[in-house]
Amino acid sequence: ISPLDALGWQSFFAQQTDVDELAQTPPVRVFEVHRNALNVVGDGIEASIPPIDDVTVGDWLLLDHDRPQASRVLGRKSLMKRRAPGSDRQAQLIAANVDTVFIVTSCNQDFNVARLERYVALAFDAEITPVILLTKSDLVADAADFVAQAQSISELVEVLALDARGDAPRALLAPWCKPGATVAFLGSSGVGKSTLTNALLDAAVIETHGIREDDA
């Protein structure tokens, strides 16, 4: 797999440009958005450029080395957004060009059907495939009731109960985590998002809280 393909470059984006344009302005993907900069990465490129209006994490740009702020933003496959705080009700961009969003909750007091419904609606509105993950299933006598409640939200959404630690996540989530696929995690703090990310990467890339409530 090429470096660009590994970053999520797909025919959807390639069809928006041509060989000549790519030679002049190579594609890069936004992986961090800061108030004063965008961090981008491409094939042999890792740079920080000035911010561009309405660009969010996951966007693809055709990088203009001479005038970075004039870099062309490619059309999006998907876009997650929410209403920003305040009275003007402007949309706050969350992430673009995500293929699958893992909606994470745990089999304890964090479990909330209404919250899961909101996350599922957010994914469907963004044209992203949602998958509900129920973590800490090993800490309850029977996770079946949690699974049943989550499955009642939509027959279009797959629900998986799992232990976020160990090798299980890589095996269970493999169908959605193929090379070049872009996934995101949604969920409240402490449900296992960082642990799942580390398990998928097979490395301790993100610091975790290290807390497991065995009486939850």
C-alpha atoms as a PDB file:
ATOM      1  CA  ILE A   1       0.000   0.000   0.000  1.00  0.00           C
ATOM      2  CA  SER A   2       1.347   3.421  -0.932  1.00  0.00           C
ATOM      3  CA  PRO A   3       1.913   6.169   1.651  1.00  0.00           C
ATOM      4  CA  LEU A   4      -1.062   8.139   0.322  1.00  0.00           C
ATOM      5  CA  ASP A   5      -3.324   5.081   0.295  1.00  0.00           C
ATOM      6  CA  ALA A   6      -2.311   4.398   3.898  1.00  0.00           C
ATOM      7  CA  LEU A   7      -3.481   7.917   4.774  1.00  0.00           C
ATOM      8  CA  GLY A   8      -6.891   7.225   3.234  1.00  0.00           C
ATOM      9  CA  TRP A   9      -6.425   8.492  -0.326  1.00  0.00           C
ATOM     10  CA  GLN A  10      -9.174   6.964  -2.477  1.00  0.00           C
ATOM     11  CA  SER A  11     -10.492   7.194  -6.024  1.00  0.00           C
ATOM     12  CA  PHE A  12     -13.168   9.576  -4.754  1.00  0.00           C
ATOM     13  CA  PHE A  13     -10.442  12.180  -4.177  1.00  0.00           C
ATOM     14  CA  ALA A  14      -8.261  11.252  -7.157  1.00  0.00           C
ATOM     15  CA  GLN A  15     -11.189  11.863  -9.503  1.00  0.00           C
ATOM     16  CA  GLN A  16     -11.280  15.498  -8.407  1.00  0.00           C
ATOM     17  CA  THR A  17      -7.835  16.268  -9.798  1.00  0.00           C
ATOM     18  CA  ASP A  18      -5.386  15.204 -12.500  1.00  0.00           C
ATOM     19  CA  VAL A  19      -1.736  14.258 -12.921  1.00  0.00           C
ATOM     20  CA  ASP A  20      -0.588  17.782 -13.770  1.00  0.00           C
ATOM     21  CA  GLU A  21      -2.302  19.348 -10.770  1.00  0.00           C
ATOM     22  CA  LEU A  22      -0.983  16.636  -8.458  1.00  0.00           C
ATOM     23  CA  ALA A  23       2.545  17.315  -9.664  1.00  0.00           C
ATOM     24  CA  GLN A  24       2.214  21.008  -8.828  1.00  0.00           C
ATOM     25  CA  THR A  25       0.155  20.690  -5.635  1.00  0.00           C
ATOM     26  CA  PRO A  26       0.583  17.291  -3.942  1.00  0.00           C
ATOM     27  CA  PRO A  27      -2.238  15.949  -1.764  1.00  0.00           C
ATOM     28  CA  VAL A  28      -1.901  16.185   2.009  1.00  0.00           C
ATOM     29  CA  ARG A  29      -4.312  15.272   4.766  1.00  0.00           C
ATOM     30  CA  VAL A  30      -5.101  17.425   7.770  1.00  0.00           C
ATOM     31  CA  PHE A  31      -4.365  15.499  10.957  1.00  0.00           C
ATOM     32  CA  GLU A  32      -4.420  18.322  13.512  1.00  0.00           C
ATOM     33  CA  VAL A  33      -6.243  21.645  13.628  1.00  0.00           C
ATOM     34  CA  HIS A  34      -4.958  24.376  15.924  1.00  0.00           C
ATOM     35  CA  ARG A  35      -6.047  27.972  16.312  1.00  0.00           C
ATOM     36  CA  ASN A  36      -3.024  29.240  14.387  1.00  0.00           C
ATOM     37  CA  ALA A  37      -2.051  26.288  12.212  1.00  0.00           C
ATOM     38  CA  LEU A  38      -3.029  23.138  10.348  1.00  0.00           C
ATOM     39  CA  ASN A  39      -0.726  20.149  10.613  1.00  0.00           C
ATOM     40  CA  VAL A  40      -0.761  18.141   7.389  1.00  0.00           C
ATOM     41  CA  VAL A  41       0.893  14.966   6.159  1.00  0.00           C
ATOM     42  CA  GLY A  42       1.350  13.429   2.704  1.00  0.00           C
ATOM     43  CA  ASP A  43       3.763  11.309   0.720  1.00  0.00           C
ATOM     44  CA  GLY A  44       7.090  12.492   2.115  1.00  0.00           C
ATOM     45  CA  ILE A  45       5.439  15.645   3.453  1.00  0.00           C
ATOM     46  CA  GLU A  46       4.840  16.680   7.041  1.00  0.00           C
ATOM     47  CA  ALA A  47       4.198  20.367   7.523  1.00  0.00           C
ATOM     48  CA  SER A  48       2.435  23.037   9.517  1.00  0.00           C
ATOM     49  CA  ILE A  49       0.584  25.618   7.426  1.00  0.00           C
ATOM     50  CA  PRO A  50      -1.578  28.659   8.260  1.00  0.00           C
ATOM     51  CA  PRO A  51      -5.241  27.910   8.995  1.00  0.00           C
ATOM     52  CA  ILE A  52      -7.780  27.769   6.170  1.00  0.00           C
ATOM     53  CA  ASP A  53     -11.429  28.652   6.718  1.00  0.00           C
ATOM     54  CA  ASP A  54     -13.817  25.717   7.176  1.00  0.00           C
ATOM     55  CA  VAL A  55     -11.084  23.062   7.083  1.00  0.00           C
ATOM     56  CA  THR A  56     -11.213  20.305   9.669  1.00  0.00           C
ATOM     57  CA  VAL A  57      -9.399  17.128  10.681  1.00  0.00           C
ATOM     58  CA  GLY A  58      -9.493  14.554   7.893  1.00  0.00           C
ATOM     59  CA  ASP A  59      -9.765  17.020   5.023  1.00  0.00           C
ATOM     60  CA  TRP A  60      -7.619  16.526   1.922  1.00  0.00           C
ATOM     61  CA  LEU A  61      -5.801  19.551   0.485  1.00  0.00           C
ATOM     62  CA  LEU A  62      -3.785  20.031  -2.668  1.00  0.00           C
ATOM     63  CA  LEU A  63      -0.837  21.781  -1.060  1.00  0.00           C
ATOM     64  CA  ASP A  64       0.378  24.991  -2.651  1.00  0.00           C
ATOM     65  CA  HIS A  65       3.904  25.276  -1.274  1.00  0.00           C
ATOM     66  CA  ASP A  66       4.200  28.936  -2.268  1.00  0.00           C
ATOM     67  CA  ARG A  67       0.789  30.010  -0.970  1.00  0.00           C
ATOM     68  CA  PRO A  68      -0.359  27.407   1.565  1.00  0.00           C
ATOM     69  CA  GLN A  69      -3.573  29.246   2.395  1.00  0.00           C
ATOM     70  CA  ALA A  70      -4.535  29.007  -1.278  1.00  0.00           C
ATOM     71  CA  SER A  71      -4.346  25.200  -1.173  1.00  0.00           C
ATOM     72  CA  ARG A  72      -7.446  23.650  -2.715  1.00  0.00           C
ATOM     73  CA  VAL A  73      -9.722  21.693  -0.406  1.00  0.00           C
ATOM     74  CA  LEU A  74     -11.052  18.552  -2.078  1.00  0.00           C
ATOM     75  CA  GLY A  75     -14.700  17.604  -1.874  1.00  0.00           C
ATOM     76  CA  ARG A  76     -15.602  15.457   1.136  1.00  0.00           C
ATOM     77  CA  LYS A  77     -16.973  11.939   1.305  1.00  0.00           C
ATOM     78  CA  SER A  78     -18.423  12.657   4.720  1.00  0.00           C
ATOM     79  CA  LEU A  79     -18.503  15.404   7.309  1.00  0.00           C
ATOM     80  CA  MET A  80     -19.304  15.218  11.008  1.00  0.00           C
ATOM     81  CA  LYS A  81     -20.476  18.492  12.502  1.00  0.00           C
ATOM     82  CA  ARG A  82     -22.516  19.794  15.394  1.00  0.00           C
ATOM     83  CA  ARG A  83     -24.152  23.024  16.385  1.00  0.00           C
ATOM     84  CA  ALA A  84     -21.596  25.242  18.065  1.00  0.00           C
ATOM     85  CA  PRO A  85     -22.275  26.743  21.502  1.00  0.00           C
ATOM     86  CA  GLY A  86     -23.762  30.215  21.498  1.00  0.00           C
ATOM     87  CA  SER A  87     -26.692  32.008  19.974  1.00  0.00           C
ATOM     88  CA  ASP A  88     -25.517  32.189  16.357  1.00  0.00           C
ATOM     89  CA  ARG A  89     -26.003  28.405  15.948  1.00  0.00           C
ATOM     90  CA  GLN A  90     -23.135  28.060  13.477  1.00  0.00           C
ATOM     91  CA  ALA A  91     -21.976  24.533  12.698  1.00  0.00           C
ATOM     92  CA  GLN A  92     -18.815  23.307  14.379  1.00  0.00           C
ATOM     93  CA  LEU A  93     -16.879  20.904  12.163  1.00  0.00           C
ATOM     94  CA  ILE A  94     -15.670  17.723  13.882  1.00  0.00           C
ATOM     95  CA  ALA A  95     -14.041  15.533  11.214  1.00  0.00           C
ATOM     96  CA  ALA A  96     -14.175  14.890   7.482  1.00  0.00           C
ATOM     97  CA  ASN A  97     -13.801  11.860   5.242  1.00  0.00           C
ATOM     98  CA  VAL A  98     -14.389   9.274   7.954  1.00  0.00           C
ATOM     99  CA  ASP A  99     -15.505   5.837   6.750  1.00  0.00           C
ATOM    100  CA  THR A 100     -16.634   4.327  10.073  1.00  0.00           C
ATOM    101  CA  VAL A 101     -17.375   5.844  13.457  1.00  0.00           C
ATOM    102  CA  PHE A 102     -17.132   3.562  16.476  1.00  0.00           C
ATOM    103  CA  ILE A 103     -19.631   4.766  19.066  1.00  0.00           C
ATOM    104  CA  VAL A 104     -18.181   3.610  22.373  1.00  0.00           C
ATOM    105  CA  THR A 105     -19.985   3.139  25.669  1.00  0.00           C
ATOM    106  CA  SER A 106     -19.448   0.757  28.552  1.00  0.00           C
ATOM    107  CA  CYS A 107     -21.585  -1.815  30.304  1.00  0.00           C
ATOM    108  CA  ASN A 108     -22.037   0.266  33.447  1.00  0.00           C
ATOM    109  CA  GLN A 109     -23.580   3.568  34.513  1.00  0.00           C
ATOM    110  CA  ASP A 110     -22.213   5.288  31.379  1.00  0.00           C
ATOM    111  CA  PHE A 111     -24.653   3.347  29.193  1.00  0.00           C
ATOM    112  CA  ASN A 112     -27.317   5.728  27.908  1.00  0.00           C
ATOM    113  CA  VAL A 113     -29.626   4.872  25.011  1.00  0.00           C
ATOM    114  CA  ALA A 114     -30.565   8.505  24.315  1.00  0.00           C
ATOM    115  CA  ARG A 115     -26.884   9.449  23.961  1.00  0.00           C
ATOM    116  CA  LEU A 116     -26.263   6.503  21.651  1.00  0.00           C
ATOM    117  CA  GLU A 117     -29.222   7.587  19.523  1.00  0.00           C
ATOM    118  CA  ARG A 118     -27.740  11.080  19.186  1.00  0.00           C
ATOM    119  CA  TYR A 119     -24.377   9.682  18.108  1.00  0.00           C
ATOM    120  CA  VAL A 120     -26.012   7.325  15.612  1.00  0.00           C
ATOM    121  CA  ALA A 121     -28.033  10.215  14.166  1.00  0.00           C
ATOM    122  CA  LEU A 122     -24.834  12.290  13.909  1.00  0.00           C
ATOM    123  CA  ALA A 123     -23.151   9.472  11.964  1.00  0.00           C
ATOM    124  CA  PHE A 124     -26.101   8.934   9.615  1.00  0.00           C
ATOM    125  CA  ASP A 125     -26.373  12.678   8.942  1.00  0.00           C
ATOM    126  CA  ALA A 126     -22.673  12.667   8.049  1.00  0.00           C
ATOM    127  CA  GLU A 127     -23.097   9.600   5.773  1.00  0.00           C
ATOM    128  CA  ILE A 128     -20.707   7.582   7.941  1.00  0.00           C
ATOM    129  CA  THR A 129     -21.184   3.949   8.948  1.00  0.00           C
ATOM    130  CA  PRO A 130     -21.808   3.753  12.732  1.00  0.00           C
ATOM    131  CA  VAL A 131     -20.827   0.734  14.842  1.00  0.00           C
ATOM    132  CA  ILE A 132     -21.721   0.609  18.545  1.00  0.00           C
ATOM    133  CA  LEU A 133     -19.050  -0.864  20.819  1.00  0.00           C
ATOM    134  CA  LEU A 134     -19.939  -1.938  24.348  1.00  0.00           C
ATOM    135  CA  THR A 135     -16.773  -2.102  26.407  1.00  0.00           C
ATOM    136  CA  LYS A 136     -16.153  -3.596  29.850  1.00  0.00           C
ATOM    137  CA  SER A 137     -18.529  -6.430  28.979  1.00  0.00           C
ATOM    138  CA  ASP A 138     -16.201  -8.723  30.938  1.00  0.00           C
ATOM    139  CA  LEU A 139     -17.138  -6.894  34.149  1.00  0.00           C
ATOM    140  CA  VAL A 140     -20.837  -7.766  34.081  1.00  0.00           C
ATOM    141  CA  ALA A 141     -22.464 -11.148  34.579  1.00  0.00           C
ATOM    142  CA  ASP A 142     -24.418 -10.860  31.334  1.00  0.00           C
ATOM    143  CA  ALA A 143     -23.994  -8.158  28.688  1.00  0.00           C
ATOM    144  CA  ALA A 144     -27.001  -9.374  26.691  1.00  0.00           C
ATOM    145  CA  ASP A 145     -29.363  -6.705  28.050  1.00  0.00           C
ATOM    146  CA  PHE A 146     -26.941  -3.900  27.115  1.00  0.00           C
ATOM    147  CA  VAL A 147     -26.570  -5.403  23.642  1.00  0.00           C
ATOM    148  CA  ALA A 148     -30.336  -5.718  23.187  1.00  0.00           C
ATOM    149  CA  GLN A 149     -30.943  -2.090  24.180  1.00  0.00           C
ATOM    150  CA  ALA A 150     -28.254  -0.883  21.784  1.00  0.00           C
ATOM    151  CA  GLN A 151     -29.595  -3.050  18.964  1.00  0.00           C
ATOM    152  CA  SER A 152     -33.054  -1.541  19.436  1.00  0.00           C
ATOM    153  CA  ILE A 153     -31.759   1.835  18.218  1.00  0.00           C
ATOM    154  CA  SER A 154     -31.460   0.786  14.579  1.00  0.00           C
ATOM    155  CA  GLU A 155     -31.345  -2.468  12.667  1.00  0.00           C
ATOM    156  CA  LEU A 156     -28.789  -0.812  10.396  1.00  0.00           C
ATOM    157  CA  VAL A 157     -26.199  -0.471  13.173  1.00  0.00           C
ATOM    158  CA  GLU A 158     -24.002  -3.360  14.238  1.00  0.00           C
ATOM    159  CA  VAL A 159     -23.449  -3.760  17.984  1.00  0.00           C
ATOM    160  CA  LEU A 160     -20.420  -5.506  19.477  1.00  0.00           C
ATOM    161  CA  ALA A 161     -19.650  -6.245  23.130  1.00  0.00           C
ATOM    162  CA  LEU A 162     -15.954  -6.607  23.878  1.00  0.00           C
ATOM    163  CA  ASP A 163     -13.066  -6.157  26.268  1.00  0.00           C
ATOM    164  CA  ALA A 164     -11.092  -3.161  24.976  1.00  0.00           C
ATOM    165  CA  ARG A 165      -7.825  -4.707  26.167  1.00  0.00           C
ATOM    166  CA  GLY A 166      -5.777  -7.424  24.508  1.00  0.00           C
ATOM    167  CA  ASP A 167      -6.098  -8.800  20.985  1.00  0.00           C
ATOM    168  CA  ALA A 168      -9.904  -8.969  20.770  1.00  0.00           C
ATOM    169  CA  PRO A 169     -10.438  -5.452  19.325  1.00  0.00           C
ATOM    170  CA  ARG A 170      -8.072  -6.038  16.396  1.00  0.00           C
ATOM    171  CA  ALA A 171      -9.897  -9.222  15.447  1.00  0.00           C
ATOM    172  CA  LEU A 172     -13.444  -7.964  15.981  1.00  0.00           C
ATOM    173  CA  LEU A 173     -12.947  -4.585  14.324  1.00  0.00           C
ATOM    174  CA  ALA A 174     -10.856  -5.817  11.405  1.00  0.00           C
ATOM    175  CA  PRO A 175     -13.740  -5.595   8.872  1.00  0.00           C
ATOM    176  CA  TRP A 176     -13.858  -1.811   9.353  1.00  0.00           C
ATOM    177  CA  CYS A 177     -10.120  -1.225   9.851  1.00  0.00           C
ATOM    178  CA  LYS A 178      -8.717  -2.344   6.525  1.00  0.00           C
ATOM    179  CA  PRO A 179      -5.642  -0.550   5.121  1.00  0.00           C
ATOM    180  CA  GLY A 180      -6.541   2.953   4.025  1.00  0.00           C
ATOM    181  CA  ALA A 181      -9.810   3.075   5.970  1.00  0.00           C
ATOM    182  CA  THR A 182     -10.458   6.052   8.240  1.00  0.00           C
ATOM    183  CA  VAL A 183     -12.202   5.408  11.544  1.00  0.00           C
ATOM    184  CA  ALA A 184     -13.168   7.662  14.430  1.00  0.00           C
ATOM    185  CA  PHE A 185     -14.259   7.072  18.012  1.00  0.00           C
ATOM    186  CA  LEU A 186     -17.135   8.840  19.773  1.00  0.00           C
ATOM    187  CA  GLY A 187     -17.974   8.395  23.438  1.00  0.00           C
ATOM    188  CA  SER A 188     -17.680   9.893  26.873  1.00  0.00           C
ATOM    189  CA  SER A 189     -14.500   9.907  28.939  1.00  0.00           C
ATOM    190  CA  GLY A 190     -13.391   6.641  30.494  1.00  0.00           C
ATOM    191  CA  VAL A 191     -15.283   4.218  28.250  1.00  0.00           C
ATOM    192  CA  GLY A 192     -12.163   2.831  26.570  1.00  0.00           C
ATOM    193  CA  LYS A 193     -11.602   4.900  23.418  1.00  0.00           C
ATOM    194  CA  SER A 194      -7.867   5.317  24.052  1.00  0.00           C
ATOM    195  CA  THR A 195      -7.494   1.667  25.057  1.00  0.00           C
ATOM    196  CA  LEU A 196      -9.228   0.583  21.845  1.00  0.00           C
ATOM    197  CA  THR A 197      -7.034   2.870  19.755  1.00  0.00           C
ATOM    198  CA  ASN A 198      -3.886   1.446  21.338  1.00  0.00           C
ATOM    199  CA  ALA A 199      -5.173  -2.089  20.799  1.00  0.00           C
ATOM    200  CA  LEU A 200      -5.827  -1.433  17.112  1.00  0.00           C
ATOM    201  CA  LEU A 201      -2.380   0.118  16.664  1.00  0.00           C
ATOM    202  CA  ASP A 202      -0.771  -2.596  18.807  1.00  0.00           C
ATOM    203  CA  ALA A 203       1.145   0.138  20.624  1.00  0.00           C
ATOM    204  CA  ALA A 204       0.690   2.399  23.643  1.00  0.00           C
ATOM    205  CA  VAL A 205       0.328   5.522  21.516  1.00  0.00           C
ATOM    206  CA  ILE A 206      -2.308   7.227  23.660  1.00  0.00           C
ATOM    207  CA  GLU A 207      -2.113   7.474  27.428  1.00  0.00           C
ATOM    208  CA  THR A 208      -5.011   5.784  29.176  1.00  0.00           C
ATOM    209  CA  HIS A 209      -6.496   6.339  32.607  1.00  0.00           C
ATOM    210  CA  GLY A 210      -5.727   2.811  33.758  1.00  0.00           C
ATOM    211  CA  ILE A 211      -8.963   2.608  35.749  1.00  0.00           C
ATOM    212  CA  ARG A 212     -11.290  -0.379  35.654  1.00  0.00           C
ATOM    213  CA  GLU A 213     -14.250  -0.470  38.011  1.00  0.00           C
ATOM    214  CA  ASP A 214     -14.602  -4.149  38.770  1.00  0.00           C
ATOM    215  CA  ASP A 215     -17.770  -3.498  40.733  1.00  0.00           C
ATOM    216  CA  ALA A 216     -19.383  -1.484  37.942  1.00  0.00           C
END
